[in-house]
């Protein structure tokens, strides 16, 4: 009886993992700034991989143990890497004036009409 149900459980876990990972991609595309994108990618990637690892290990205990090691590694490293990326971004743009896709960079704006700063040739 249990052997007949295990493939269905594995398929349901794979679908759950794929839906969660798809939500992560959608969150990365829809979020407005880097901090929100990092949140979506780091949290949902770890949560999306857990059902996939469990589905892979439904029939094989060795694969399950290796998958759990991968999950432990991701649980430890995903927040650290996201924090490192966010800190590097914050150091590069401390005033929050990061270039946005819909507006030009600050140095690309035209100079005021009365400004006669010489330009190097």
Protein backbone atom coordinates (compact mmCIF):
# COMPACT_ATOMS: atom_id res chain seq x y z
CA UNK A 1 0.00 0.00 0.00
CA UNK A 2 2.74 2.44 0.99
CA UNK A 3 4.76 1.59 -2.12
CA UNK A 4 1.82 2.65 -4.29
CA UNK A 5 1.52 6.03 -2.57
CA UNK A 6 5.21 6.99 -2.55
CA UNK A 7 5.41 7.98 -6.26
CA UNK A 8 2.39 10.26 -5.79
CA UNK A 9 3.98 11.86 -2.74
CA UNK A 10 7.23 12.38 -4.65
CA UNK A 11 5.37 13.95 -7.58
CA UNK A 12 3.45 16.27 -5.24
CA UNK A 13 6.71 17.34 -3.58
CA UNK A 14 8.31 18.05 -6.96
CA UNK A 15 5.32 20.18 -7.98
CA UNK A 16 5.44 22.06 -4.68
CA UNK A 17 9.16 22.73 -5.14
CA UNK A 18 8.69 23.91 -8.72
CA UNK A 19 5.84 26.24 -7.77
CA UNK A 20 7.92 27.70 -4.95
CA UNK A 21 10.94 28.22 -7.21
CA UNK A 22 8.69 29.83 -9.84
CA UNK A 23 7.41 32.23 -7.20
CA UNK A 24 11.02 33.10 -6.42
CA UNK A 25 11.68 33.97 -10.06
CA UNK A 26 8.49 36.02 -10.20
CA UNK A 27 9.54 37.83 -7.01
CA UNK A 28 12.94 38.66 -8.48
CA UNK A 29 11.34 40.08 -11.60
CA UNK A 30 8.62 42.05 -9.80
CA UNK A 31 10.39 43.51 -6.77
CA UNK A 32 11.49 47.14 -7.11
CA UNK A 33 14.88 47.19 -5.42
CA UNK A 34 17.84 44.92 -4.79
CA UNK A 35 17.02 44.31 -1.14
CA UNK A 36 13.56 42.95 -1.93
CA UNK A 37 14.96 40.85 -4.78
CA UNK A 38 17.55 39.35 -2.47
CA UNK A 39 14.87 38.51 0.06
CA UNK A 40 12.76 36.75 -2.56
CA UNK A 41 15.66 34.84 -4.03
CA UNK A 42 17.31 33.66 -0.84
CA UNK A 43 14.22 32.65 1.09
CA UNK A 44 12.27 31.05 -1.70
CA UNK A 45 15.23 29.20 -3.14
CA UNK A 46 15.89 27.45 0.16
CA UNK A 47 12.19 26.74 0.67
CA UNK A 48 11.80 25.54 -2.92
CA UNK A 49 14.73 23.17 -2.78
CA UNK A 50 13.50 21.40 0.38
CA UNK A 51 10.55 19.61 -1.31
CA UNK A 52 12.76 18.66 -4.26
CA UNK A 53 15.33 17.11 -1.93
CA UNK A 54 12.61 15.24 -0.06
CA UNK A 55 11.13 13.99 -3.33
CA UNK A 56 14.52 12.72 -4.45
CA UNK A 57 15.01 10.88 -1.19
CA UNK A 58 11.60 9.25 -0.92
CA UNK A 59 12.84 5.88 -2.15
CA UNK A 60 16.54 6.10 -1.26
CA UNK A 61 17.86 6.96 2.19
CA UNK A 62 21.39 7.72 0.94
CA UNK A 63 20.10 10.35 -1.46
CA UNK A 64 17.93 11.78 1.31
CA UNK A 65 20.91 12.16 3.65
CA UNK A 66 23.00 13.83 0.95
CA UNK A 67 20.10 16.11 0.10
CA UNK A 68 19.69 17.07 3.74
CA UNK A 69 23.39 17.97 3.84
CA UNK A 70 22.86 20.21 0.81
CA UNK A 71 19.85 21.79 2.54
CA UNK A 72 21.86 22.43 5.70
CA UNK A 73 24.59 24.04 3.62
CA UNK A 74 22.06 26.27 1.85
CA UNK A 75 20.37 27.22 5.10
CA UNK A 76 23.74 28.40 6.41
CA UNK A 77 25.08 30.11 3.29
CA UNK A 78 22.07 31.71 1.57
CA UNK A 79 21.44 34.35 4.27
CA UNK A 80 25.16 35.08 4.57
CA UNK A 81 25.62 35.56 0.83
CA UNK A 82 22.48 37.73 0.58
CA UNK A 83 23.71 39.88 3.44
CA UNK A 84 27.12 40.24 1.78
CA UNK A 85 25.56 41.31 -1.50
CA UNK A 86 23.23 43.77 0.27
CA UNK A 87 26.13 45.24 2.25
CA UNK A 88 28.24 45.68 -0.88
CA UNK A 89 25.31 47.37 -2.61
CA UNK A 90 24.72 49.63 0.40
CA UNK A 91 28.39 50.62 0.49
CA UNK A 92 28.34 51.46 -3.22
CA UNK A 93 25.10 53.48 -2.92
CA UNK A 94 24.97 54.76 0.69
CA UNK A 95 22.48 57.54 0.00
CA UNK A 96 20.04 55.18 -1.69
CA UNK A 97 20.51 56.93 -5.03
CA UNK A 98 21.12 53.81 -7.06
CA UNK A 99 20.56 53.95 -10.81
CA UNK A 100 17.09 52.81 -11.74
CA UNK A 101 16.04 51.39 -15.11
CA UNK A 102 13.54 54.21 -15.72
CA UNK A 103 15.72 57.18 -14.85
CA UNK A 104 19.13 58.29 -16.08
CA UNK A 105 22.21 58.11 -13.91
CA UNK A 106 23.02 61.36 -12.02
CA UNK A 107 26.13 62.06 -14.10
CA UNK A 108 24.14 61.79 -17.34
CA UNK A 109 21.98 64.83 -16.57
CA UNK A 110 22.62 68.05 -18.45
CA UNK A 111 24.55 70.84 -16.75
CA UNK A 112 22.70 74.06 -15.83
CA UNK A 113 22.65 76.82 -18.46
CA UNK A 114 24.98 79.18 -16.53
CA UNK A 115 27.63 76.54 -15.80
CA UNK A 116 30.79 77.17 -17.85
CA UNK A 117 32.96 74.41 -16.49
CA UNK A 118 35.78 73.60 -18.92
CA UNK A 119 35.76 70.11 -20.27
CA UNK A 120 38.98 68.18 -20.96
CA UNK A 121 39.69 67.52 -24.63
